[in-house]
Amino acid sequence: MALEPLLAFVVTSAVVLVTPDPTILTVISYSATHGDCANGALVAGVALSNSTALVASLLGLGALLATAAFWFTVVKWIVGLYLLYLGIKLLRSGVRIPASRERR
């Protein structure tokens, strides 16, 4: 293997690993506003979601969805409807200000 492609891969991987994605930004902002005691559940949720995606990928779900456009569309619609459900649920729950952070 030539050195140039390997070096390009290493540099690109390092940049991607250093750049925070939305999940990491969520963990950081949630930890900054709610403290470390509430941070554990969020970190566990992120680890579980990443593990689920990894297992699905290892089982070949990505290759199946890449070759079958119909099933890819079905999965997109299911995920979209689930996100819509979560958004409606979030809007209906309202905003609650914790007593310790209340402005006077």
N, C-alpha and C. Protein backbone atom coordinates (compact mmCIF):
# COMPACT_ATOMS: atom_id res chain seq x y z
N MET A 1 0.84 -1.18 0.00
CA MET A 1 0.00 0.00 0.00
C MET A 1 0.89 1.24 0.00
N ALA A 2 0.51 2.22 -0.80
CA ALA A 2 1.27 3.46 -0.89
C ALA A 2 1.10 4.27 0.39
N LEU A 3 2.08 5.07 0.68
CA LEU A 3 2.07 5.86 1.90
C LEU A 3 1.08 7.02 1.83
N GLU A 4 0.88 7.62 0.66
CA GLU A 4 0.01 8.79 0.54
C GLU A 4 -1.45 8.50 0.90
N PRO A 5 -2.06 7.43 0.37
CA PRO A 5 -3.45 7.16 0.77
C PRO A 5 -3.59 6.84 2.26
N LEU A 6 -2.61 6.13 2.82
CA LEU A 6 -2.65 5.82 4.24
C LEU A 6 -2.55 7.09 5.07
N LEU A 7 -1.66 7.98 4.70
CA LEU A 7 -1.50 9.24 5.41
C LEU A 7 -2.77 10.09 5.29
N ALA A 8 -3.37 10.12 4.11
CA ALA A 8 -4.62 10.87 3.93
C ALA A 8 -5.73 10.29 4.80
N PHE A 9 -5.80 8.96 4.89
CA PHE A 9 -6.80 8.32 5.74
C PHE A 9 -6.58 8.67 7.20
N VAL A 10 -5.35 8.63 7.66
CA VAL A 10 -5.05 8.92 9.07
C VAL A 10 -5.39 10.37 9.39
N VAL A 11 -5.03 11.30 8.53
CA VAL A 11 -5.32 12.72 8.77
C VAL A 11 -6.83 12.97 8.76
N THR A 12 -7.53 12.40 7.79
CA THR A 12 -8.97 12.57 7.73
C THR A 12 -9.66 11.96 8.94
N SER A 13 -9.23 10.80 9.36
CA SER A 13 -9.80 10.16 10.56
C SER A 13 -9.56 11.00 11.80
N ALA A 14 -8.38 11.57 11.93
CA ALA A 14 -8.07 12.41 13.08
C ALA A 14 -8.97 13.64 13.11
N VAL A 15 -9.18 14.26 11.96
CA VAL A 15 -10.05 15.45 11.89
C VAL A 15 -11.48 15.08 12.26
N VAL A 16 -11.96 13.97 11.75
CA VAL A 16 -13.34 13.54 12.04
C VAL A 16 -13.49 13.21 13.52
N LEU A 17 -12.50 12.57 14.12
CA LEU A 17 -12.58 12.22 15.54
C LEU A 17 -12.51 13.44 16.45
N VAL A 18 -11.81 14.46 16.05
CA VAL A 18 -11.67 15.66 16.87
C VAL A 18 -12.89 16.57 16.76
N THR A 19 -13.57 16.55 15.62
CA THR A 19 -14.72 17.40 15.40
C THR A 19 -15.93 16.85 16.15
N PRO A 20 -16.53 17.67 17.03
CA PRO A 20 -17.69 17.16 17.77
C PRO A 20 -18.94 17.08 16.89
N ASP A 21 -19.67 16.00 17.03
CA ASP A 21 -20.91 15.84 16.28
C ASP A 21 -22.08 16.29 17.17
N PRO A 22 -23.31 16.30 16.66
CA PRO A 22 -24.44 16.77 17.47
C PRO A 22 -24.64 15.99 18.78
N THR A 23 -24.33 14.71 18.78
CA THR A 23 -24.51 13.95 20.03
C THR A 23 -23.54 14.40 21.10
N ILE A 24 -22.30 14.63 20.72
CA ILE A 24 -21.31 15.08 21.70
C ILE A 24 -21.68 16.48 22.19
N LEU A 25 -22.14 17.35 21.29
CA LEU A 25 -22.57 18.68 21.71
C LEU A 25 -23.76 18.62 22.66
N THR A 26 -24.66 17.66 22.45
CA THR A 26 -25.79 17.48 23.35
C THR A 26 -25.31 17.04 24.73
N VAL A 27 -24.37 16.10 24.78
CA VAL A 27 -23.83 15.64 26.06
C VAL A 27 -23.15 16.80 26.79
N ILE A 28 -22.39 17.60 26.07
CA ILE A 28 -21.68 18.72 26.69
C ILE A 28 -22.66 19.75 27.23
N SER A 29 -23.67 20.14 26.42
CA SER A 29 -24.61 21.16 26.87
C SER A 29 -25.48 20.65 28.01
N TYR A 30 -25.91 19.39 27.95
CA TYR A 30 -26.74 18.82 29.01
C TYR A 30 -25.94 18.73 30.30
N SER A 31 -24.68 18.37 30.20
CA SER A 31 -23.83 18.27 31.38
C SER A 31 -23.58 19.65 31.99
N ALA A 32 -23.42 20.65 31.12
CA ALA A 32 -23.17 22.01 31.62
C ALA A 32 -24.39 22.59 32.31
N THR A 33 -25.59 22.26 31.84
CA THR A 33 -26.79 22.85 32.43
C THR A 33 -27.37 22.04 33.58
N HIS A 34 -27.21 20.70 33.56
CA HIS A 34 -27.86 19.87 34.57
C HIS A 34 -26.88 19.22 35.54
N GLY A 35 -25.62 19.35 35.31
CA GLY A 35 -24.65 18.76 36.22
C GLY A 35 -24.29 17.34 35.86
N ASP A 36 -23.31 16.82 36.55
CA ASP A 36 -22.80 15.49 36.24
C ASP A 36 -23.74 14.35 36.64
N CYS A 37 -24.61 14.59 37.62
CA CYS A 37 -25.47 13.50 38.09
C CYS A 37 -26.46 13.06 37.00
N ALA A 38 -26.91 13.97 36.16
CA ALA A 38 -27.86 13.63 35.10
C ALA A 38 -27.16 13.23 33.81
N ASN A 39 -25.86 13.37 33.77
CA ASN A 39 -25.10 13.12 32.55
C ASN A 39 -24.95 11.63 32.24
N GLY A 40 -24.95 10.79 33.24
CA GLY A 40 -24.73 9.36 33.05
C GLY A 40 -25.76 8.70 32.15
N ALA A 41 -27.03 9.06 32.34
CA ALA A 41 -28.08 8.46 31.52
C ALA A 41 -27.94 8.87 30.06
N LEU A 42 -27.56 10.11 29.82
CA LEU A 42 -27.39 10.58 28.44
C LEU A 42 -26.20 9.87 27.77
N VAL A 43 -25.12 9.73 28.47
CA VAL A 43 -23.95 9.03 27.93
C VAL A 43 -24.30 7.57 27.65
N ALA A 44 -25.06 6.94 28.54
CA ALA A 44 -25.47 5.55 28.33
C ALA A 44 -26.38 5.45 27.10
N GLY A 45 -27.26 6.42 26.91
CA GLY A 45 -28.14 6.42 25.74
C GLY A 45 -27.37 6.58 24.45
N VAL A 46 -26.38 7.46 24.45
CA VAL A 46 -25.55 7.65 23.26
C VAL A 46 -24.76 6.37 22.96
N ALA A 47 -24.20 5.75 23.99
CA ALA A 47 -23.46 4.50 23.78
C ALA A 47 -24.37 3.39 23.26
N LEU A 48 -25.60 3.32 23.78
CA LEU A 48 -26.54 2.30 23.31
C LEU A 48 -26.94 2.54 21.85
N SER A 49 -27.17 3.80 21.49
CA SER A 49 -27.55 4.07 20.10
C SER A 49 -26.39 3.78 19.14
N ASN A 50 -25.18 4.12 19.54
CA ASN A 50 -24.03 3.82 18.69
C ASN A 50 -23.81 2.31 18.57
N SER A 51 -24.02 1.59 19.67
CA SER A 51 -23.87 0.13 19.63
C SER A 51 -24.94 -0.50 18.75
N THR A 52 -26.15 0.02 18.81
CA THR A 52 -27.23 -0.50 17.97
C THR A 52 -26.91 -0.30 16.49
N ALA A 53 -26.42 0.89 16.14
CA ALA A 53 -26.04 1.16 14.75
C ALA A 53 -24.89 0.26 14.31
N LEU A 54 -23.95 0.01 15.21
CA LEU A 54 -22.82 -0.86 14.89
C LEU A 54 -23.29 -2.29 14.64
N VAL A 55 -24.17 -2.80 15.49
CA VAL A 55 -24.67 -4.17 15.32
C VAL A 55 -25.47 -4.29 14.02
N ALA A 56 -26.32 -3.29 13.74
CA ALA A 56 -27.09 -3.32 12.49
C ALA A 56 -26.16 -3.32 11.28
N SER A 57 -25.09 -2.55 11.36
CA SER A 57 -24.13 -2.51 10.27
C SER A 57 -23.41 -3.84 10.12
N LEU A 58 -23.02 -4.44 11.25
CA LEU A 58 -22.34 -5.72 11.19
C LEU A 58 -23.24 -6.83 10.66
N LEU A 59 -24.53 -6.72 10.90
CA LEU A 59 -25.47 -7.72 10.41
C LEU A 59 -25.81 -7.53 8.94
N GLY A 60 -25.30 -6.47 8.33
CA GLY A 60 -25.50 -6.25 6.91
C GLY A 60 -26.71 -5.40 6.56
N LEU A 61 -27.28 -4.71 7.53
CA LEU A 61 -28.45 -3.89 7.24
C LEU A 61 -28.11 -2.74 6.29
N GLY A 62 -26.93 -2.18 6.44
CA GLY A 62 -26.52 -1.09 5.54
C GLY A 62 -26.42 -1.55 4.10
N ALA A 63 -25.83 -2.72 3.88
CA ALA A 63 -25.71 -3.25 2.53
C ALA A 63 -27.09 -3.60 1.96
N LEU A 64 -27.95 -4.14 2.80
CA LEU A 64 -29.31 -4.45 2.34
C LEU A 64 -30.06 -3.19 1.93
N LEU A 65 -29.96 -2.15 2.75
CA LEU A 65 -30.65 -0.90 2.42
C LEU A 65 -30.05 -0.21 1.21
N ALA A 66 -28.76 -0.40 0.99
CA ALA A 66 -28.12 0.22 -0.18
C ALA A 66 -28.57 -0.45 -1.47
N THR A 67 -28.86 -1.73 -1.43
CA THR A 67 -29.26 -2.43 -2.65
C THR A 67 -30.77 -2.45 -2.86
N ALA A 68 -31.55 -2.27 -1.81
CA ALA A 68 -33.00 -2.32 -1.93
C ALA A 68 -33.59 -0.94 -1.64
N ALA A 69 -33.88 -0.19 -2.69
CA ALA A 69 -34.38 1.18 -2.54
C ALA A 69 -35.73 1.20 -1.82
N PHE A 70 -36.56 0.21 -2.06
CA PHE A 70 -37.87 0.18 -1.40
C PHE A 70 -37.72 0.10 0.11
N TRP A 71 -36.88 -0.81 0.60
CA TRP A 71 -36.72 -0.97 2.04
C TRP A 71 -36.03 0.24 2.66
N PHE A 72 -35.15 0.88 1.91
CA PHE A 72 -34.53 2.11 2.41
C PHE A 72 -35.59 3.18 2.60
N THR A 73 -36.53 3.29 1.66
CA THR A 73 -37.62 4.26 1.78
C THR A 73 -38.52 3.91 2.96
N VAL A 74 -38.79 2.63 3.16
CA VAL A 74 -39.61 2.22 4.30
C VAL A 74 -38.94 2.61 5.62
N VAL A 75 -37.64 2.34 5.74
CA VAL A 75 -36.91 2.69 6.96
C VAL A 75 -36.90 4.20 7.16
N LYS A 76 -36.72 4.97 6.09
CA LYS A 76 -36.74 6.44 6.20
C LYS A 76 -38.09 6.93 6.72
N TRP A 77 -39.18 6.36 6.21
CA TRP A 77 -40.51 6.78 6.66
C TRP A 77 -40.75 6.40 8.12
N ILE A 78 -40.31 5.23 8.52
CA ILE A 78 -40.49 4.82 9.91
C ILE A 78 -39.72 5.74 10.85
N VAL A 79 -38.48 6.03 10.50
CA VAL A 79 -37.66 6.91 11.33
C VAL A 79 -38.25 8.32 11.34
N GLY A 80 -38.71 8.80 10.18
CA GLY A 80 -39.32 10.13 10.11
C GLY A 80 -40.57 10.24 10.96
N LEU A 81 -41.42 9.21 10.91
CA LEU A 81 -42.62 9.23 11.73
C LEU A 81 -42.29 9.17 13.22
N TYR A 82 -41.26 8.40 13.56
CA TYR A 82 -40.84 8.33 14.97
C TYR A 82 -40.32 9.68 15.45
N LEU A 83 -39.53 10.36 14.61
CA LEU A 83 -39.03 11.68 14.98
C LEU A 83 -40.17 12.68 15.10
N LEU A 84 -41.16 12.59 14.25
CA LEU A 84 -42.34 13.44 14.34
C LEU A 84 -43.08 13.19 15.64
N TYR A 85 -43.24 11.93 16.00
CA TYR A 85 -43.87 11.55 17.26
C TYR A 85 -43.11 12.15 18.45
N LEU A 86 -41.78 12.03 18.42
CA LEU A 86 -40.97 12.58 19.51
C LEU A 86 -41.10 14.10 19.59
N GLY A 87 -41.14 14.76 18.43
CA GLY A 87 -41.29 16.22 18.41
C GLY A 87 -42.63 16.66 18.98
N ILE A 88 -43.70 15.99 18.61
CA ILE A 88 -45.03 16.32 19.13
C ILE A 88 -45.08 16.07 20.64
N LYS A 89 -44.50 14.97 21.06
CA LYS A 89 -44.46 14.64 22.48
C LYS A 89 -43.68 15.72 23.26
N LEU A 90 -42.59 16.19 22.68
CA LEU A 90 -41.79 17.23 23.33
C LEU A 90 -42.56 18.54 23.40
N LEU A 91 -43.25 18.90 22.33
CA LEU A 91 -44.02 20.14 22.33
C LEU A 91 -45.18 20.08 23.33
N ARG A 92 -45.80 18.93 23.48
CA ARG A 92 -46.93 18.80 24.40
C ARG A 92 -46.49 18.79 25.86
N SER A 93 -45.23 18.41 26.11
CA SER A 93 -44.78 18.32 27.50
C SER A 93 -44.57 19.69 28.12
N GLY A 94 -44.33 20.71 27.31
CA GLY A 94 -44.12 22.05 27.84
C GLY A 94 -42.72 22.22 28.41
N VAL A 95 -42.43 23.43 28.81
CA VAL A 95 -41.13 23.76 29.37
C VAL A 95 -41.28 23.89 30.88
N ARG A 96 -40.45 23.18 31.61
CA ARG A 96 -40.48 23.25 33.07
C ARG A 96 -39.14 23.79 33.55
N ILE A 97 -39.19 24.82 34.36
CA ILE A 97 -37.97 25.39 34.92
C ILE A 97 -37.75 24.77 36.29
N PRO A 98 -36.59 24.15 36.52
CA PRO A 98 -36.32 23.58 37.85
C PRO A 98 -36.32 24.67 38.91
N ALA A 99 -36.73 24.30 40.10
CA ALA A 99 -36.83 25.28 41.19
C ALA A 99 -35.49 25.91 41.53
N SER A 100 -34.40 25.17 41.42
CA SER A 100 -33.08 25.70 41.77
C SER A 100 -32.56 26.69 40.75
N ARG A 101 -33.07 26.67 39.53
CA ARG A 101 -32.59 27.55 38.48
C ARG A 101 -33.59 28.67 38.17
N GLU A 102 -34.58 28.82 38.96
CA GLU A 102 -35.62 29.79 38.72
C GLU A 102 -35.10 31.20 38.95
N ARG A 103 -35.44 32.12 38.05
CA ARG A 103 -35.01 33.53 38.20
C ARG A 103 -36.02 34.27 39.04
N ARG A 104 -35.52 35.19 39.83
CA ARG A 104 -36.42 35.97 40.70
C ARG A 104 -36.31 37.42 40.40
